[in-house]
Amino acid sequence: MLLIGIPLLLVLAVWFGTRQIKKLLYEEKPVMAYEVKYVAQAPDYQVELLDYNEYSRPGTALSQVNGIVIHYTANPGTTAEQNRSYFENLKDTGETYASSHFVIGMDGEIVQCIPCNEIAYASNDRNEDTIAIECCIPDETGEFTDATYQSLIELTAWLMGRYDLTTDDVIRHYDVTGKMCPKYYVEHEDAWLVFKQDLLTYIDVNGIAKNEEIS
């Protein structure tokens, strides 16, 4: 009885193992939202381009767009307009090289400072192939307001669709240079992972299939 049972068990093990291998090879796998959908509708934003100048808008063309870099302003309580003005005034002060494609204020307002086909002085070695988004903050923790966070989700998701990017292409300034930027999302890795998941959820809910035409 025991001798018969052992071969039978071996046969069953091989059979179930073969089925599992076939399942792994041929079963349809879940697809991430960004692989099948994209957000066609841009969020509301104000276009207030900087004047051409050496320090904040050199007018140099991006080589391509391979990513989106998230920043924080590091000056609590300032508005999107104030940060835009700081970038603009660099043409006169010449104190540093700095700018960003977009600045998001604490009320969720979005200001575009640099066209998406030009470099901004924001992300060091990745200036030439990324789009930079600066986020205003209310206090020293560096955590974004709910309004800022929502606008960041909407803007990032739209840019991902526009340039065929995935969440792997959405990075922090920290991931480029090791700088504590954006501070809260460097100190709280879990919050950064939640942000990535929120991007996917937003795309899944608000996106259209990639094979659909934009009306």
C-alpha atoms as a PDB file:
ATOM      1  CA  MET A   1       0.000   0.000   0.000  1.00  0.00           C
ATOM      2  CA  LEU A   2       2.810   2.378   0.971  1.00  0.00           C
ATOM      3  CA  LEU A   3       4.792   1.500  -2.177  1.00  0.00           C
ATOM      4  CA  ILE A   4       1.796   2.357  -4.372  1.00  0.00           C
ATOM      5  CA  GLY A   5       1.130   5.580  -2.488  1.00  0.00           C
ATOM      6  CA  ILE A   6       4.601   7.065  -2.977  1.00  0.00           C
ATOM      7  CA  PRO A   7       4.640   6.833  -6.819  1.00  0.00           C
ATOM      8  CA  LEU A   8       1.116   8.242  -6.885  1.00  0.00           C
ATOM      9  CA  LEU A   9       2.186  11.197  -4.799  1.00  0.00           C
ATOM     10  CA  LEU A  10       5.144  11.800  -7.109  1.00  0.00           C
ATOM     11  CA  VAL A  11       2.879  11.746 -10.174  1.00  0.00           C
ATOM     12  CA  LEU A  12       0.458  14.174  -8.531  1.00  0.00           C
ATOM     13  CA  ALA A  13       3.323  16.475  -7.531  1.00  0.00           C
ATOM     14  CA  VAL A  14       4.657  16.569 -11.099  1.00  0.00           C
ATOM     15  CA  TRP A  15       1.149  17.172 -12.491  1.00  0.00           C
ATOM     16  CA  PHE A  16       0.388  20.030 -10.120  1.00  0.00           C
ATOM     17  CA  GLY A  17       3.863  21.470 -10.671  1.00  0.00           C
ATOM     18  CA  THR A  18       3.375  21.451 -14.440  1.00  0.00           C
ATOM     19  CA  ARG A  19       0.008  23.172 -14.072  1.00  0.00           C
ATOM     20  CA  GLN A  20       1.550  25.857 -11.884  1.00  0.00           C
ATOM     21  CA  ILE A  21       4.333  26.486 -14.415  1.00  0.00           C
ATOM     22  CA  LYS A  22       1.787  26.791 -17.238  1.00  0.00           C
ATOM     23  CA  LYS A  23      -0.258  29.146 -15.088  1.00  0.00           C
ATOM     24  CA  LEU A  24       2.760  31.359 -14.490  1.00  0.00           C
ATOM     25  CA  LEU A  25       3.683  31.346 -18.173  1.00  0.00           C
ATOM     26  CA  TYR A  26       0.291  31.806 -19.774  1.00  0.00           C
ATOM     27  CA  GLU A  27      -2.056  33.326 -17.215  1.00  0.00           C
ATOM     28  CA  GLU A  28      -2.900  36.952 -17.918  1.00  0.00           C
ATOM     29  CA  LYS A  29      -0.967  39.152 -15.516  1.00  0.00           C
ATOM     30  CA  PRO A  30      -2.331  42.348 -13.950  1.00  0.00           C
ATOM     31  CA  VAL A  31      -1.216  45.508 -15.743  1.00  0.00           C
ATOM     32  CA  MET A  32      -0.356  48.735 -13.972  1.00  0.00           C
ATOM     33  CA  ALA A  33      -2.632  51.706 -14.682  1.00  0.00           C
ATOM     34  CA  TYR A  34       0.020  53.747 -16.476  1.00  0.00           C
ATOM     35  CA  GLU A  35       0.588  50.916 -18.980  1.00  0.00           C
ATOM     36  CA  VAL A  36      -2.962  51.059 -20.327  1.00  0.00           C
ATOM     37  CA  LYS A  37      -4.211  54.551 -19.497  1.00  0.00           C
ATOM     38  CA  TYR A  38      -3.067  58.138 -19.509  1.00  0.00           C
ATOM     39  CA  VAL A  39      -4.505  61.453 -18.355  1.00  0.00           C
ATOM     40  CA  ALA A  40      -5.277  63.577 -21.396  1.00  0.00           C
ATOM     41  CA  GLN A  41      -6.678  66.616 -19.599  1.00  0.00           C
ATOM     42  CA  ALA A  42      -4.132  69.092 -18.246  1.00  0.00           C
ATOM     43  CA  PRO A  43      -4.834  70.635 -14.841  1.00  0.00           C
ATOM     44  CA  ASP A  44      -5.469  74.368 -14.664  1.00  0.00           C
ATOM     45  CA  TYR A  45      -2.241  76.338 -14.547  1.00  0.00           C
ATOM     46  CA  GLN A  46      -1.044  79.877 -15.195  1.00  0.00           C
ATOM     47  CA  VAL A  47       1.672  80.406 -17.782  1.00  0.00           C
ATOM     48  CA  GLU A  48       4.049  83.097 -16.501  1.00  0.00           C
ATOM     49  CA  LEU A  49       7.282  82.361 -18.315  1.00  0.00           C
ATOM     50  CA  LEU A  50      10.504  83.879 -17.052  1.00  0.00           C
ATOM     51  CA  ASP A  51      12.401  86.288 -19.267  1.00  0.00           C
ATOM     52  CA  TYR A  52      15.367  84.777 -21.057  1.00  0.00           C
ATOM     53  CA  ASN A  53      18.465  85.227 -18.931  1.00  0.00           C
ATOM     54  CA  GLU A  54      21.664  83.461 -17.945  1.00  0.00           C
ATOM     55  CA  TYR A  55      20.638  82.594 -14.394  1.00  0.00           C
ATOM     56  CA  SER A  56      17.156  81.107 -14.587  1.00  0.00           C
ATOM     57  CA  ARG A  57      16.016  80.692 -18.189  1.00  0.00           C
ATOM     58  CA  PRO A  58      18.874  80.131 -20.623  1.00  0.00           C
ATOM     59  CA  GLY A  59      16.529  78.904 -23.362  1.00  0.00           C
ATOM     60  CA  THR A  60      18.471  75.672 -23.832  1.00  0.00           C
ATOM     61  CA  ALA A  61      16.395  72.870 -25.340  1.00  0.00           C
ATOM     62  CA  LEU A  62      15.819  69.688 -23.350  1.00  0.00           C
ATOM     63  CA  SER A  63      17.504  66.730 -25.000  1.00  0.00           C
ATOM     64  CA  GLN A  64      14.390  64.663 -24.196  1.00  0.00           C
ATOM     65  CA  VAL A  65      12.024  64.134 -21.275  1.00  0.00           C
ATOM     66  CA  ASN A  66      12.970  61.017 -19.331  1.00  0.00           C
ATOM     67  CA  GLY A  67      11.589  61.937 -15.940  1.00  0.00           C
ATOM     68  CA  ILE A  68       9.852  64.294 -13.544  1.00  0.00           C
ATOM     69  CA  VAL A  69      11.713  65.581 -10.479  1.00  0.00           C
ATOM     70  CA  ILE A  70       9.771  66.672  -7.396  1.00  0.00           C
ATOM     71  CA  HIS A  71      11.193  69.464  -5.204  1.00  0.00           C
ATOM     72  CA  TYR A  72      10.158  71.584  -2.257  1.00  0.00           C
ATOM     73  CA  THR A  73      10.882  75.298  -1.967  1.00  0.00           C
ATOM     74  CA  ALA A  74      12.583  75.119   1.475  1.00  0.00           C
ATOM     75  CA  ASN A  75      11.198  78.576   2.335  1.00  0.00           C
ATOM     76  CA  PRO A  76       8.057  78.000   4.442  1.00  0.00           C
ATOM     77  CA  GLY A  77       5.092  80.306   3.971  1.00  0.00           C
ATOM     78  CA  THR A  78       6.049  81.674   0.557  1.00  0.00           C
ATOM     79  CA  THR A  79       3.649  81.564  -2.384  1.00  0.00           C
ATOM     80  CA  ALA A  80       4.024  80.237  -5.901  1.00  0.00           C
ATOM     81  CA  GLU A  81       4.147  83.818  -7.206  1.00  0.00           C
ATOM     82  CA  GLN A  82       6.877  84.779  -4.747  1.00  0.00           C
ATOM     83  CA  ASN A  83       9.003  81.835  -5.788  1.00  0.00           C
ATOM     84  CA  ARG A  84       8.404  82.631  -9.438  1.00  0.00           C
ATOM     85  CA  SER A  85       9.480  86.237  -8.748  1.00  0.00           C
ATOM     86  CA  TYR A  86      12.636  84.984  -7.046  1.00  0.00           C
ATOM     87  CA  PHE A  87      13.558  83.049 -10.185  1.00  0.00           C
ATOM     88  CA  GLU A  88      12.763  86.069 -12.359  1.00  0.00           C
ATOM     89  CA  ASN A  89      14.850  88.439 -10.252  1.00  0.00           C
ATOM     90  CA  LEU A  90      17.937  86.279 -10.641  1.00  0.00           C
ATOM     91  CA  LYS A  91      18.472  87.976 -14.000  1.00  0.00           C
ATOM     92  CA  ASP A  92      19.289  91.118 -11.988  1.00  0.00           C
ATOM     93  CA  THR A  93      20.839  89.726  -8.815  1.00  0.00           C
ATOM     94  CA  GLY A  94      22.870  86.949 -10.455  1.00  0.00           C
ATOM     95  CA  GLU A  95      23.247  85.344  -7.032  1.00  0.00           C
ATOM     96  CA  THR A  96      22.755  81.772  -8.241  1.00  0.00           C
ATOM     97  CA  TYR A  97      21.393  79.598 -11.027  1.00  0.00           C
ATOM     98  CA  ALA A  98      17.898  78.362 -10.190  1.00  0.00           C
ATOM     99  CA  SER A  99      14.444  77.813 -11.673  1.00  0.00           C
ATOM    100  CA  SER A 100      11.712  75.243 -12.132  1.00  0.00           C
ATOM    101  CA  HIS A 101       9.282  74.376 -14.877  1.00  0.00           C
ATOM    102  CA  PHE A 102       6.334  74.556 -12.475  1.00  0.00           C
ATOM    103  CA  VAL A 103       5.700  75.908  -8.983  1.00  0.00           C
ATOM    104  CA  ILE A 104       2.690  74.706  -6.988  1.00  0.00           C
ATOM    105  CA  GLY A 105       1.379  76.998  -4.253  1.00  0.00           C
ATOM    106  CA  MET A 106      -0.144  76.092  -0.907  1.00  0.00           C
ATOM    107  CA  ASP A 107      -3.658  76.719  -2.245  1.00  0.00           C
ATOM    108  CA  GLY A 108      -3.015  74.365  -5.150  1.00  0.00           C
ATOM    109  CA  GLU A 109      -2.361  77.044  -7.760  1.00  0.00           C
ATOM    110  CA  ILE A 110       0.121  76.015 -10.455  1.00  0.00           C
ATOM    111  CA  VAL A 111       2.438  78.493 -12.161  1.00  0.00           C
ATOM    112  CA  GLN A 112       4.538  77.537 -15.178  1.00  0.00           C
ATOM    113  CA  CYS A 113       7.870  79.372 -15.295  1.00  0.00           C
ATOM    114  CA  ILE A 114       9.776  77.463 -17.993  1.00  0.00           C
ATOM    115  CA  PRO A 115       8.405  75.776 -21.156  1.00  0.00           C
ATOM    116  CA  CYS A 116       8.515  71.989 -20.990  1.00  0.00           C
ATOM    117  CA  ASN A 117      10.878  71.846 -23.968  1.00  0.00           C
ATOM    118  CA  GLU A 118      13.575  73.941 -22.234  1.00  0.00           C
ATOM    119  CA  ILE A 119      15.852  73.119 -19.323  1.00  0.00           C
ATOM    120  CA  ALA A 120      15.309  74.549 -15.856  1.00  0.00           C
ATOM    121  CA  TYR A 121      18.122  74.962 -13.344  1.00  0.00           C
ATOM    122  CA  ALA A 122      16.666  72.622 -10.738  1.00  0.00           C
ATOM    123  CA  SER A 123      17.912  69.053 -10.842  1.00  0.00           C
ATOM    124  CA  ASN A 124      21.671  69.180 -11.324  1.00  0.00           C
ATOM    125  CA  ASP A 125      22.827  66.351 -13.604  1.00  0.00           C
ATOM    126  CA  ARG A 126      19.225  65.691 -14.655  1.00  0.00           C
ATOM    127  CA  ASN A 127      18.482  69.235 -15.858  1.00  0.00           C
ATOM    128  CA  GLU A 128      18.858  68.172 -19.475  1.00  0.00           C
ATOM    129  CA  ASP A 129      16.241  65.401 -19.502  1.00  0.00           C
ATOM    130  CA  THR A 130      13.701  66.076 -16.754  1.00  0.00           C
ATOM    131  CA  ILE A 131      10.834  68.390 -15.867  1.00  0.00           C
ATOM    132  CA  ALA A 132      11.033  70.007 -12.419  1.00  0.00           C
ATOM    133  CA  ILE A 133       8.110  70.740 -10.103  1.00  0.00           C
ATOM    134  CA  GLU A 134       8.642  72.917  -7.008  1.00  0.00           C
ATOM    135  CA  CYS A 135       6.089  72.686  -4.195  1.00  0.00           C
ATOM    136  CA  CYS A 136       5.488  75.428  -1.630  1.00  0.00           C
ATOM    137  CA  ILE A 137       5.289  74.428   2.034  1.00  0.00           C
ATOM    138  CA  PRO A 138       3.580  75.922   5.101  1.00  0.00           C
ATOM    139  CA  ASP A 139       6.174  74.983   7.733  1.00  0.00           C
ATOM    140  CA  GLU A 140       9.564  73.453   8.468  1.00  0.00           C
ATOM    141  CA  THR A 141       8.318  69.847   8.241  1.00  0.00           C
ATOM    142  CA  GLY A 142       8.212  70.200   4.470  1.00  0.00           C
ATOM    143  CA  GLU A 143       4.887  68.391   4.244  1.00  0.00           C
ATOM    144  CA  PHE A 144       2.660  69.638   1.429  1.00  0.00           C
ATOM    145  CA  THR A 145      -0.835  70.972   2.061  1.00  0.00           C
ATOM    146  CA  ASP A 146      -3.722  68.862   0.793  1.00  0.00           C
ATOM    147  CA  ALA A 147      -4.301  71.375  -2.013  1.00  0.00           C
ATOM    148  CA  THR A 148      -0.642  71.303  -3.060  1.00  0.00           C
ATOM    149  CA  TYR A 149      -0.613  67.515  -2.937  1.00  0.00           C
ATOM    150  CA  GLN A 150      -3.729  67.193  -5.097  1.00  0.00           C
ATOM    151  CA  SER A 151      -2.381  69.601  -7.716  1.00  0.00           C
ATOM    152  CA  LEU A 152       0.925  67.724  -7.699  1.00  0.00           C
ATOM    153  CA  ILE A 153      -0.922  64.463  -8.378  1.00  0.00           C
ATOM    154  CA  GLU A 154      -2.882  66.010 -11.253  1.00  0.00           C
ATOM    155  CA  LEU A 155       0.102  67.773 -12.830  1.00  0.00           C
ATOM    156  CA  THR A 156       2.446  64.796 -12.510  1.00  0.00           C
ATOM    157  CA  ALA A 157      -0.126  62.344 -13.876  1.00  0.00           C
ATOM    158  CA  TRP A 158      -0.759  64.582 -16.892  1.00  0.00           C
ATOM    159  CA  LEU A 159       2.971  64.977 -17.578  1.00  0.00           C
ATOM    160  CA  MET A 160       3.434  61.212 -17.291  1.00  0.00           C
ATOM    161  CA  GLY A 161       0.848  60.711 -20.022  1.00  0.00           C
ATOM    162  CA  ARG A 162       2.215  63.492 -22.185  1.00  0.00           C
ATOM    163  CA  TYR A 163       5.731  62.048 -22.182  1.00  0.00           C
ATOM    164  CA  ASP A 164       4.882  58.340 -21.834  1.00  0.00           C
ATOM    165  CA  LEU A 165       6.490  58.032 -18.400  1.00  0.00           C
ATOM    166  CA  THR A 166       5.850  55.603 -15.531  1.00  0.00           C
ATOM    167  CA  THR A 167       5.980  56.103 -11.778  1.00  0.00           C
ATOM    168  CA  ASP A 168       9.550  54.787 -11.922  1.00  0.00           C
ATOM    169  CA  ASP A 169      10.380  57.970 -13.842  1.00  0.00           C
ATOM    170  CA  VAL A 170       8.961  60.205 -11.095  1.00  0.00           C
ATOM    171  CA  ILE A 171      11.795  60.913  -8.674  1.00  0.00           C
ATOM    172  CA  ARG A 172      12.838  63.218  -5.862  1.00  0.00           C
ATOM    173  CA  HIS A 173      15.671  65.727  -6.059  1.00  0.00           C
ATOM    174  CA  TYR A 174      17.150  63.501  -3.344  1.00  0.00           C
ATOM    175  CA  ASP A 175      17.326  60.611  -5.811  1.00  0.00           C
ATOM    176  CA  VAL A 176      19.580  62.708  -8.060  1.00  0.00           C
ATOM    177  CA  THR A 177      21.962  64.315  -5.582  1.00  0.00           C
ATOM    178  CA  GLY A 178      21.191  63.042  -2.084  1.00  0.00           C
ATOM    179  CA  LYS A 179      19.890  66.490  -1.103  1.00  0.00           C
ATOM    180  CA  MET A 180      17.074  66.541   1.498  1.00  0.00           C
ATOM    181  CA  CYS A 181      14.532  67.581  -1.109  1.00  0.00           C
ATOM    182  CA  PRO A 182      11.593  67.330  -0.916  1.00  0.00           C
ATOM    183  CA  LYS A 183      12.338  67.115   2.811  1.00  0.00           C
ATOM    184  CA  TYR A 184       9.160  65.435   4.092  1.00  0.00           C
ATOM    185  CA  TYR A 185       9.224  62.807   1.360  1.00  0.00           C
ATOM    186  CA  VAL A 186      12.871  61.994   2.027  1.00  0.00           C
ATOM    187  CA  GLU A 187      12.336  61.680   5.770  1.00  0.00           C
ATOM    188  CA  HIS A 188       9.116  59.698   5.254  1.00  0.00           C
ATOM    189  CA  GLU A 189       9.770  57.073   2.603  1.00  0.00           C
ATOM    190  CA  ASP A 190       6.341  55.573   3.267  1.00  0.00           C
ATOM    191  CA  ALA A 191       4.681  58.862   2.284  1.00  0.00           C
ATOM    192  CA  TRP A 192       6.646  58.867  -0.977  1.00  0.00           C
ATOM    193  CA  LEU A 193       5.435  55.350  -1.770  1.00  0.00           C
ATOM    194  CA  VAL A 194       1.860  56.436  -1.004  1.00  0.00           C
ATOM    195  CA  PHE A 195       2.319  59.335  -3.441  1.00  0.00           C
ATOM    196  CA  LYS A 196       3.349  56.889  -6.171  1.00  0.00           C
ATOM    197  CA  GLN A 197       0.295  54.743  -5.460  1.00  0.00           C
ATOM    198  CA  ASP A 198      -1.954  57.820  -5.452  1.00  0.00           C
ATOM    199  CA  LEU A 199      -0.620  58.644  -8.922  1.00  0.00           C
ATOM    200  CA  LEU A 200      -1.643  55.210 -10.188  1.00  0.00           C
ATOM    201  CA  THR A 201      -5.070  55.482  -8.595  1.00  0.00           C
ATOM    202  CA  TYR A 202      -5.632  58.920 -10.132  1.00  0.00           C
ATOM    203  CA  ILE A 203      -4.594  57.673 -13.571  1.00  0.00           C
ATOM    204  CA  ASP A 204      -6.815  54.618 -13.256  1.00  0.00           C
ATOM    205  CA  VAL A 205      -9.855  56.700 -12.278  1.00  0.00           C
ATOM    206  CA  ASN A 206      -9.315  59.702 -14.561  1.00  0.00           C
ATOM    207  CA  GLY A 207      -7.304  58.285 -17.457  1.00  0.00           C
ATOM    208  CA  ILE A 208      -8.434  57.081 -20.852  1.00  0.00           C
ATOM    209  CA  ALA A 209      -7.178  54.062 -22.742  1.00  0.00           C
ATOM    210  CA  LYS A 210      -3.974  54.717 -24.662  1.00  0.00           C
ATOM    211  CA  ASN A 211      -5.607  53.573 -27.888  1.00  0.00           C
ATOM    212  CA  GLU A 212      -8.404  56.151 -27.581  1.00  0.00           C
ATOM    213  CA  GLU A 213      -8.303  59.431 -29.449  1.00  0.00           C
ATOM    214  CA  ILE A 214      -8.317  62.683 -27.500  1.00  0.00           C
ATOM    215  CA  SER A 215     -11.439  64.639 -28.403  1.00  0.00           C
END
